[in-house]
N, C-alpha and C. Protein backbone atom coordinates (compact mmCIF):
# COMPACT_ATOMS: atom_id res chain seq x y z
N MET A 1 0.85 -1.17 0.00
CA MET A 1 0.00 0.00 0.00
C MET A 1 0.90 1.24 0.00
N SER A 2 0.56 2.22 -0.87
CA SER A 2 1.35 3.45 -0.92
C SER A 2 1.01 4.32 0.28
N LEU A 3 1.90 5.28 0.54
CA LEU A 3 1.65 6.19 1.65
C LEU A 3 0.36 6.97 1.45
N SER A 4 0.05 7.34 0.20
CA SER A 4 -1.15 8.13 -0.08
C SER A 4 -2.42 7.38 0.26
N GLU A 5 -2.42 6.07 0.06
CA GLU A 5 -3.63 5.29 0.30
C GLU A 5 -4.08 5.35 1.75
N GLU A 6 -3.15 5.52 2.68
CA GLU A 6 -3.51 5.63 4.08
C GLU A 6 -4.31 6.89 4.38
N PHE A 7 -4.16 7.91 3.53
CA PHE A 7 -4.76 9.21 3.80
C PHE A 7 -5.95 9.53 2.92
N LEU A 8 -6.34 8.64 2.01
CA LEU A 8 -7.39 8.95 1.05
C LEU A 8 -8.75 9.23 1.69
N LEU A 9 -9.02 8.66 2.82
CA LEU A 9 -10.34 8.82 3.44
C LEU A 9 -10.54 10.20 4.05
N ASN A 10 -9.47 10.91 4.37
CA ASN A 10 -9.57 12.21 5.01
C ASN A 10 -9.07 13.27 4.05
N GLU A 11 -10.01 14.09 3.52
CA GLU A 11 -9.65 15.10 2.54
C GLU A 11 -9.05 16.34 3.18
N ASP A 12 -9.34 16.62 4.44
CA ASP A 12 -8.86 17.83 5.10
C ASP A 12 -7.65 17.49 5.96
N LEU A 13 -6.54 17.22 5.32
CA LEU A 13 -5.34 16.79 6.02
C LEU A 13 -4.46 17.97 6.40
N HIS A 14 -4.00 17.95 7.62
CA HIS A 14 -3.04 18.95 8.07
C HIS A 14 -1.65 18.40 7.74
N PRO A 15 -0.77 19.20 7.14
CA PRO A 15 0.54 18.67 6.75
C PRO A 15 1.34 18.10 7.93
N ILE A 16 1.18 18.67 9.11
CA ILE A 16 1.93 18.17 10.26
C ILE A 16 1.38 16.83 10.73
N ASP A 17 0.08 16.57 10.50
CA ASP A 17 -0.48 15.25 10.78
C ASP A 17 0.20 14.20 9.90
N ILE A 18 0.44 14.55 8.64
CA ILE A 18 1.10 13.63 7.73
C ILE A 18 2.53 13.37 8.20
N VAL A 19 3.22 14.43 8.61
CA VAL A 19 4.59 14.27 9.11
C VAL A 19 4.61 13.37 10.33
N GLU A 20 3.66 13.56 11.24
CA GLU A 20 3.59 12.72 12.44
C GLU A 20 3.38 11.26 12.08
N THR A 21 2.52 11.00 11.11
CA THR A 21 2.30 9.63 10.67
C THR A 21 3.57 9.04 10.06
N LEU A 22 4.27 9.83 9.25
CA LEU A 22 5.53 9.36 8.67
C LEU A 22 6.57 9.08 9.75
N ALA A 23 6.65 9.95 10.75
CA ALA A 23 7.61 9.75 11.85
C ALA A 23 7.28 8.46 12.60
N THR A 24 6.02 8.22 12.86
CA THR A 24 5.60 7.00 13.54
C THR A 24 5.95 5.78 12.68
N HIS A 25 5.63 5.87 11.39
CA HIS A 25 5.89 4.77 10.46
C HIS A 25 7.38 4.42 10.39
N ASN A 26 8.24 5.43 10.46
CA ASN A 26 9.69 5.23 10.37
C ASN A 26 10.38 5.05 11.72
N ASP A 27 9.60 5.02 12.78
CA ASP A 27 10.14 4.88 14.14
C ASP A 27 11.12 6.00 14.49
N TRP A 28 10.83 7.22 14.03
CA TRP A 28 11.65 8.37 14.38
C TRP A 28 11.14 8.95 15.69
N GLU A 29 12.05 9.36 16.52
CA GLU A 29 11.68 10.05 17.76
C GLU A 29 11.13 11.42 17.37
N PHE A 30 9.96 11.79 17.90
CA PHE A 30 9.38 13.09 17.53
C PHE A 30 8.60 13.69 18.69
N ASP A 31 8.37 15.00 18.57
CA ASP A 31 7.58 15.74 19.54
C ASP A 31 6.68 16.69 18.76
N ARG A 32 5.39 16.54 18.92
CA ARG A 32 4.44 17.45 18.29
C ARG A 32 4.42 18.71 19.14
N VAL A 33 5.20 19.70 18.77
CA VAL A 33 5.40 20.90 19.55
C VAL A 33 4.11 21.70 19.67
N THR A 34 3.46 21.94 18.55
CA THR A 34 2.15 22.61 18.51
C THR A 34 1.35 21.94 17.41
N GLU A 35 0.14 22.40 17.19
CA GLU A 35 -0.68 21.86 16.10
C GLU A 35 0.03 22.05 14.76
N ASP A 36 0.80 23.13 14.63
CA ASP A 36 1.45 23.49 13.37
C ASP A 36 2.95 23.20 13.32
N GLN A 37 3.48 22.47 14.30
CA GLN A 37 4.93 22.24 14.32
C GLN A 37 5.25 20.89 14.94
N ILE A 38 6.25 20.23 14.34
CA ILE A 38 6.74 18.95 14.85
C ILE A 38 8.27 18.96 14.78
N ALA A 39 8.89 18.39 15.79
CA ALA A 39 10.34 18.25 15.83
C ALA A 39 10.65 16.77 15.93
N MET A 40 11.68 16.34 15.21
CA MET A 40 12.03 14.93 15.25
C MET A 40 13.52 14.73 15.05
N ALA A 41 13.97 13.54 15.38
CA ALA A 41 15.36 13.15 15.22
C ALA A 41 15.42 12.03 14.20
N VAL A 42 16.28 12.20 13.20
CA VAL A 42 16.43 11.20 12.15
C VAL A 42 17.89 10.77 12.12
N GLU A 43 18.10 9.47 12.27
CA GLU A 43 19.45 8.91 12.29
C GLU A 43 20.01 8.82 10.88
N GLY A 44 21.19 9.38 10.70
CA GLY A 44 21.89 9.30 9.42
C GLY A 44 23.14 8.45 9.59
N GLN A 45 23.92 8.36 8.53
CA GLN A 45 25.18 7.62 8.59
C GLN A 45 26.19 8.36 9.45
N TRP A 46 26.25 9.68 9.33
CA TRP A 46 27.26 10.46 10.03
C TRP A 46 26.83 10.88 11.42
N ARG A 47 25.53 11.11 11.62
CA ARG A 47 25.05 11.57 12.91
C ARG A 47 23.52 11.57 12.92
N THR A 48 22.96 11.97 14.03
CA THR A 48 21.51 12.14 14.12
C THR A 48 21.20 13.60 13.81
N TYR A 49 20.25 13.81 12.91
CA TYR A 49 19.87 15.16 12.49
C TYR A 49 18.56 15.55 13.17
N SER A 50 18.48 16.80 13.56
CA SER A 50 17.26 17.35 14.15
C SER A 50 16.47 18.02 13.04
N LEU A 51 15.24 17.57 12.86
CA LEU A 51 14.37 18.16 11.84
C LEU A 51 13.17 18.79 12.51
N THR A 52 12.81 19.96 12.03
CA THR A 52 11.60 20.62 12.46
C THR A 52 10.81 21.00 11.22
N LEU A 53 9.55 20.65 11.23
CA LEU A 53 8.65 21.06 10.15
C LEU A 53 7.55 21.89 10.77
N ALA A 54 7.25 23.01 10.14
CA ALA A 54 6.23 23.92 10.66
C ALA A 54 5.34 24.38 9.52
N TRP A 55 4.04 24.37 9.79
CA TRP A 55 3.06 24.82 8.81
C TRP A 55 2.69 26.26 9.14
N SER A 56 2.76 27.13 8.14
CA SER A 56 2.36 28.53 8.30
C SER A 56 1.11 28.77 7.46
N PRO A 57 -0.07 28.81 8.09
CA PRO A 57 -1.29 29.02 7.30
C PRO A 57 -1.36 30.41 6.67
N GLN A 58 -0.67 31.40 7.26
CA GLN A 58 -0.71 32.76 6.73
C GLN A 58 -0.16 32.82 5.30
N ASP A 59 0.97 32.16 5.07
CA ASP A 59 1.54 32.18 3.72
C ASP A 59 1.50 30.80 3.05
N GLU A 60 0.78 29.88 3.66
CA GLU A 60 0.56 28.54 3.10
C GLU A 60 1.87 27.86 2.72
N THR A 61 2.80 27.87 3.67
CA THR A 61 4.11 27.28 3.43
C THR A 61 4.45 26.27 4.51
N LEU A 62 4.92 25.11 4.07
CA LEU A 62 5.45 24.09 4.98
C LEU A 62 6.95 24.30 5.02
N ARG A 63 7.45 24.70 6.19
CA ARG A 63 8.87 24.99 6.35
C ARG A 63 9.56 23.81 7.01
N LEU A 64 10.74 23.49 6.48
CA LEU A 64 11.55 22.42 7.05
C LEU A 64 12.93 22.98 7.36
N ILE A 65 13.42 22.65 8.55
CA ILE A 65 14.83 22.90 8.85
C ILE A 65 15.41 21.60 9.39
N CYS A 66 16.61 21.31 8.92
CA CYS A 66 17.36 20.14 9.36
C CYS A 66 18.68 20.67 9.89
N THR A 67 18.98 20.38 11.15
CA THR A 67 20.17 20.97 11.76
C THR A 67 21.09 19.90 12.34
N PHE A 68 22.35 20.28 12.45
CA PHE A 68 23.29 19.51 13.23
C PHE A 68 24.30 20.48 13.83
N GLU A 69 24.79 20.12 15.02
CA GLU A 69 25.71 20.98 15.74
C GLU A 69 27.09 20.95 15.12
N MET A 70 27.73 22.12 15.14
CA MET A 70 29.11 22.26 14.70
C MET A 70 29.73 23.39 15.51
N GLU A 71 30.95 23.22 15.91
CA GLU A 71 31.68 24.29 16.58
C GLU A 71 33.04 24.46 15.91
N PRO A 72 33.03 25.02 14.69
CA PRO A 72 34.28 25.15 13.96
C PRO A 72 35.20 26.19 14.61
N PRO A 73 36.50 26.00 14.49
CA PRO A 73 37.44 26.99 15.00
C PRO A 73 37.25 28.32 14.26
N GLU A 74 37.37 29.41 14.99
CA GLU A 74 37.19 30.75 14.41
C GLU A 74 38.04 30.94 13.15
N ASP A 75 39.26 30.47 13.19
CA ASP A 75 40.17 30.70 12.07
C ASP A 75 39.80 29.88 10.82
N ARG A 76 38.81 28.98 10.93
CA ARG A 76 38.39 28.16 9.78
C ARG A 76 37.02 28.58 9.25
N LEU A 77 36.42 29.65 9.82
CA LEU A 77 35.10 30.07 9.37
C LEU A 77 35.09 30.50 7.90
N GLY A 78 36.14 31.16 7.45
CA GLY A 78 36.20 31.56 6.04
C GLY A 78 36.13 30.36 5.11
N ALA A 79 36.87 29.31 5.44
CA ALA A 79 36.84 28.08 4.63
C ALA A 79 35.46 27.43 4.72
N LEU A 80 34.86 27.44 5.91
CA LEU A 80 33.53 26.85 6.07
C LEU A 80 32.50 27.59 5.22
N TYR A 81 32.54 28.93 5.24
CA TYR A 81 31.61 29.72 4.43
C TYR A 81 31.82 29.45 2.93
N ASP A 82 33.06 29.28 2.53
CA ASP A 82 33.35 28.99 1.13
C ASP A 82 32.74 27.63 0.75
N VAL A 83 32.93 26.63 1.59
CA VAL A 83 32.36 25.31 1.32
C VAL A 83 30.83 25.39 1.33
N LEU A 84 30.28 26.12 2.25
CA LEU A 84 28.82 26.28 2.31
C LEU A 84 28.29 26.86 0.99
N ASN A 85 28.95 27.88 0.46
CA ASN A 85 28.52 28.46 -0.82
C ASN A 85 28.67 27.45 -1.95
N ARG A 86 29.75 26.69 -1.94
CA ARG A 86 29.93 25.68 -2.98
C ARG A 86 28.86 24.60 -2.90
N CYS A 87 28.49 24.22 -1.69
CA CYS A 87 27.42 23.23 -1.51
C CYS A 87 26.11 23.76 -2.07
N ASN A 88 25.79 25.01 -1.73
CA ASN A 88 24.53 25.59 -2.20
C ASN A 88 24.48 25.71 -3.72
N ASP A 89 25.64 25.84 -4.35
CA ASP A 89 25.67 25.86 -5.82
C ASP A 89 25.34 24.50 -6.41
N MET A 90 25.43 23.46 -5.63
CA MET A 90 25.21 22.09 -6.13
C MET A 90 23.81 21.55 -5.83
N VAL A 91 22.98 22.33 -5.17
CA VAL A 91 21.65 21.84 -4.80
C VAL A 91 20.57 22.77 -5.37
N TRP A 92 19.38 22.21 -5.55
CA TRP A 92 18.27 22.98 -6.09
C TRP A 92 17.09 23.06 -5.12
N THR A 93 16.98 22.13 -4.22
CA THR A 93 15.79 22.08 -3.36
C THR A 93 16.16 22.36 -1.92
N GLY A 94 16.55 23.57 -1.64
CA GLY A 94 16.92 23.96 -0.29
C GLY A 94 18.28 24.61 -0.29
N ALA A 95 18.70 25.02 0.90
CA ALA A 95 20.01 25.67 1.01
C ALA A 95 20.52 25.51 2.43
N PHE A 96 21.85 25.50 2.53
CA PHE A 96 22.50 25.49 3.84
C PHE A 96 22.76 26.91 4.31
N THR A 97 22.73 27.08 5.60
CA THR A 97 23.14 28.33 6.22
C THR A 97 23.79 27.99 7.55
N TRP A 98 24.64 28.86 8.03
CA TRP A 98 25.33 28.66 9.30
C TRP A 98 24.75 29.62 10.32
N TRP A 99 24.22 29.06 11.42
CA TRP A 99 23.71 29.88 12.51
C TRP A 99 24.80 29.92 13.58
N ALA A 100 25.61 30.96 13.55
CA ALA A 100 26.78 31.05 14.42
C ALA A 100 26.41 31.07 15.91
N GLU A 101 25.39 31.84 16.28
CA GLU A 101 25.02 31.93 17.70
C GLU A 101 24.63 30.59 18.28
N GLN A 102 23.90 29.80 17.52
CA GLN A 102 23.43 28.50 17.98
C GLN A 102 24.43 27.39 17.69
N LYS A 103 25.47 27.70 16.93
CA LYS A 103 26.48 26.70 16.53
C LYS A 103 25.82 25.56 15.77
N LEU A 104 24.98 25.91 14.79
CA LEU A 104 24.24 24.93 14.02
C LEU A 104 24.44 25.13 12.52
N MET A 105 24.66 24.04 11.82
CA MET A 105 24.56 24.04 10.37
C MET A 105 23.11 23.71 10.07
N VAL A 106 22.51 24.44 9.17
CA VAL A 106 21.07 24.34 8.93
C VAL A 106 20.79 24.15 7.44
N TRP A 107 19.95 23.18 7.13
CA TRP A 107 19.39 23.00 5.79
C TRP A 107 17.97 23.52 5.87
N ARG A 108 17.63 24.46 4.99
CA ARG A 108 16.29 25.06 5.02
C ARG A 108 15.58 24.86 3.69
N TYR A 109 14.27 24.66 3.81
CA TYR A 109 13.45 24.53 2.61
C TYR A 109 12.03 24.96 2.96
N GLY A 110 11.38 25.63 2.04
CA GLY A 110 9.99 26.01 2.21
C GLY A 110 9.17 25.51 1.04
N LEU A 111 8.15 24.74 1.33
CA LEU A 111 7.26 24.19 0.30
C LEU A 111 6.00 25.05 0.28
N CYS A 112 5.83 25.84 -0.77
CA CYS A 112 4.67 26.72 -0.91
C CYS A 112 3.47 25.89 -1.39
N LEU A 113 2.39 25.97 -0.64
CA LEU A 113 1.16 25.25 -0.99
C LEU A 113 0.01 26.24 -1.17
N ALA A 114 0.29 27.34 -1.88
CA ALA A 114 -0.69 28.41 -2.07
C ALA A 114 -1.93 27.92 -2.80
N GLY A 115 -3.02 28.60 -2.53
CA GLY A 115 -4.27 28.27 -3.20
C GLY A 115 -4.96 27.04 -2.66
N GLY A 116 -4.62 26.67 -1.43
CA GLY A 116 -5.26 25.52 -0.81
C GLY A 116 -4.70 24.18 -1.27
N GLN A 117 -3.52 24.18 -1.88
CA GLN A 117 -2.90 22.92 -2.31
C GLN A 117 -2.58 22.07 -1.09
N VAL A 118 -2.49 20.78 -1.30
CA VAL A 118 -2.20 19.85 -0.23
C VAL A 118 -0.95 19.04 -0.61
N ALA A 119 -0.03 18.94 0.31
CA ALA A 119 1.14 18.08 0.09
C ALA A 119 0.77 16.65 0.47
N GLY A 120 1.06 15.74 -0.42
CA GLY A 120 0.79 14.34 -0.14
C GLY A 120 1.90 13.73 0.70
N PRO A 121 1.65 12.56 1.26
CA PRO A 121 2.65 11.90 2.08
C PRO A 121 3.95 11.59 1.33
N GLU A 122 3.84 11.21 0.04
CA GLU A 122 5.05 10.93 -0.72
C GLU A 122 5.89 12.19 -0.87
N GLN A 123 5.22 13.33 -1.11
CA GLN A 123 5.92 14.59 -1.27
C GLN A 123 6.61 15.00 0.03
N ILE A 124 5.93 14.85 1.15
CA ILE A 124 6.53 15.21 2.44
C ILE A 124 7.65 14.23 2.79
N ASP A 125 7.45 12.96 2.49
CA ASP A 125 8.51 11.97 2.73
C ASP A 125 9.75 12.32 1.91
N ARG A 126 9.56 12.73 0.66
CA ARG A 126 10.68 13.12 -0.20
C ARG A 126 11.35 14.39 0.33
N LEU A 127 10.56 15.31 0.86
CA LEU A 127 11.09 16.54 1.45
C LEU A 127 12.03 16.21 2.61
N ILE A 128 11.59 15.32 3.49
CA ILE A 128 12.39 14.92 4.65
C ILE A 128 13.64 14.15 4.19
N ALA A 129 13.45 13.19 3.29
CA ALA A 129 14.57 12.40 2.80
C ALA A 129 15.59 13.29 2.09
N GLY A 130 15.12 14.27 1.35
CA GLY A 130 16.02 15.19 0.66
C GLY A 130 16.87 16.00 1.61
N ALA A 131 16.28 16.42 2.71
CA ALA A 131 17.02 17.19 3.72
C ALA A 131 18.11 16.33 4.35
N VAL A 132 17.76 15.11 4.72
CA VAL A 132 18.74 14.21 5.34
C VAL A 132 19.82 13.84 4.32
N MET A 133 19.45 13.60 3.08
CA MET A 133 20.45 13.25 2.06
C MET A 133 21.41 14.42 1.82
N ALA A 134 20.91 15.64 1.82
CA ALA A 134 21.79 16.80 1.64
C ALA A 134 22.76 16.92 2.81
N ALA A 135 22.25 16.75 4.02
CA ALA A 135 23.12 16.81 5.20
C ALA A 135 24.17 15.71 5.16
N GLU A 136 23.76 14.51 4.79
CA GLU A 136 24.69 13.38 4.71
C GLU A 136 25.74 13.61 3.61
N ARG A 137 25.31 14.15 2.51
CA ARG A 137 26.21 14.36 1.38
C ARG A 137 27.29 15.39 1.71
N PHE A 138 26.92 16.47 2.37
CA PHE A 138 27.86 17.57 2.57
C PHE A 138 28.51 17.60 3.95
N TYR A 139 28.04 16.80 4.89
CA TYR A 139 28.62 16.77 6.22
C TYR A 139 30.14 16.55 6.18
N PRO A 140 30.64 15.56 5.42
CA PRO A 140 32.10 15.35 5.39
C PRO A 140 32.86 16.57 4.86
N ALA A 141 32.29 17.28 3.89
CA ALA A 141 32.97 18.46 3.35
C ALA A 141 33.06 19.56 4.41
N PHE A 142 31.98 19.75 5.17
CA PHE A 142 32.02 20.75 6.25
C PHE A 142 33.08 20.38 7.28
N GLN A 143 33.12 19.09 7.62
CA GLN A 143 34.10 18.63 8.60
C GLN A 143 35.53 18.84 8.11
N MET A 144 35.78 18.49 6.85
CA MET A 144 37.13 18.63 6.31
C MET A 144 37.55 20.09 6.23
N ALA A 145 36.62 20.97 5.91
CA ALA A 145 36.96 22.39 5.83
C ALA A 145 37.21 22.97 7.22
N ALA A 146 36.44 22.53 8.20
CA ALA A 146 36.55 23.10 9.55
C ALA A 146 37.71 22.50 10.35
N TRP A 147 37.92 21.20 10.23
CA TRP A 147 38.91 20.55 11.09
C TRP A 147 40.01 19.80 10.33
N GLY A 148 39.79 19.55 9.06
CA GLY A 148 40.74 18.74 8.31
C GLY A 148 41.83 19.53 7.63
N GLU A 149 41.82 20.85 7.86
CA GLU A 149 42.86 21.69 7.25
C GLU A 149 42.90 21.55 5.73
N LYS A 150 41.76 21.24 5.13
CA LYS A 150 41.67 21.12 3.68
C LYS A 150 41.19 22.45 3.09
N THR A 151 41.59 22.71 1.85
CA THR A 151 41.05 23.88 1.16
C THR A 151 39.59 23.58 0.83
N PRO A 152 38.79 24.61 0.59
CA PRO A 152 37.40 24.35 0.20
C PRO A 152 37.28 23.45 -1.03
N ALA A 153 38.14 23.63 -2.01
CA ALA A 153 38.09 22.77 -3.20
C ALA A 153 38.39 21.32 -2.85
N GLU A 154 39.37 21.10 -1.99
CA GLU A 154 39.70 19.73 -1.56
C GLU A 154 38.56 19.13 -0.75
N ALA A 155 37.98 19.93 0.13
CA ALA A 155 36.87 19.44 0.97
C ALA A 155 35.68 19.03 0.12
N MET A 156 35.43 19.75 -0.95
CA MET A 156 34.28 19.46 -1.80
C MET A 156 34.43 18.16 -2.59
N LYS A 157 35.62 17.67 -2.72
CA LYS A 157 35.83 16.42 -3.48
C LYS A 157 35.09 15.25 -2.83
N VAL A 158 34.86 15.30 -1.53
CA VAL A 158 34.13 14.21 -0.88
C VAL A 158 32.63 14.33 -1.08
N ALA A 159 32.18 15.46 -1.63
CA ALA A 159 30.74 15.68 -1.81
C ALA A 159 30.34 15.71 -3.28
N ILE A 160 31.17 15.17 -4.14
CA ILE A 160 30.87 15.22 -5.57
C ILE A 160 29.63 14.41 -5.92
N ALA A 161 29.54 13.19 -5.44
CA ALA A 161 28.41 12.33 -5.78
C ALA A 161 27.28 12.53 -4.79
N GLU A 162 26.06 12.36 -5.28
CA GLU A 162 24.91 12.44 -4.40
C GLU A 162 24.86 11.23 -3.50
N ALA A 163 24.38 11.42 -2.28
CA ALA A 163 24.20 10.30 -1.35
C ALA A 163 22.96 9.53 -1.79
N TYR A 164 23.01 8.22 -1.71
CA TYR A 164 21.87 7.40 -2.05
C TYR A 164 21.46 6.57 -0.85
N GLY A 165 20.20 6.24 -0.80
CA GLY A 165 19.68 5.48 0.32
C GLY A 165 18.38 6.11 0.77
N ARG A 166 17.95 5.72 1.93
CA ARG A 166 16.66 6.21 2.42
C ARG A 166 16.82 6.65 3.85
N ALA A 167 16.23 7.82 4.15
CA ALA A 167 16.28 8.34 5.52
C ALA A 167 15.37 7.55 6.42
């Protein structure tokens, strides 16, 4: 049975309800923070990623952030920013940003569902998997730039191929 078939009986689906069902189905640890927000932990190859999805009815956007902690040395921030820009040049569905105060690398994406559109479970599953795959793909490059004393070009060599698998 496809993911969509589980939801066919209920036409008025809240996107965070779908995320909660996916989290339960995948045995991900999660917390339904509010009616419009859910936080969860998804285990990757390199580490566990914190994902938060929030529904904004005002602008009809499902926002996703996927974070992981990093505390790069001050003297390596220039290299990290360079690698971050190079990573963003290689992706189309989201972008990385560095939140210095929180010491977090962040993957952000907003899915616009204007006009009363509804995101299906497969679409939300792909959104989550895409975030984790991006983090998995570029995590080694961030590490090499911050701690491996590699140039940004050298660090990016480990992120040439897309990560494959399932979150």
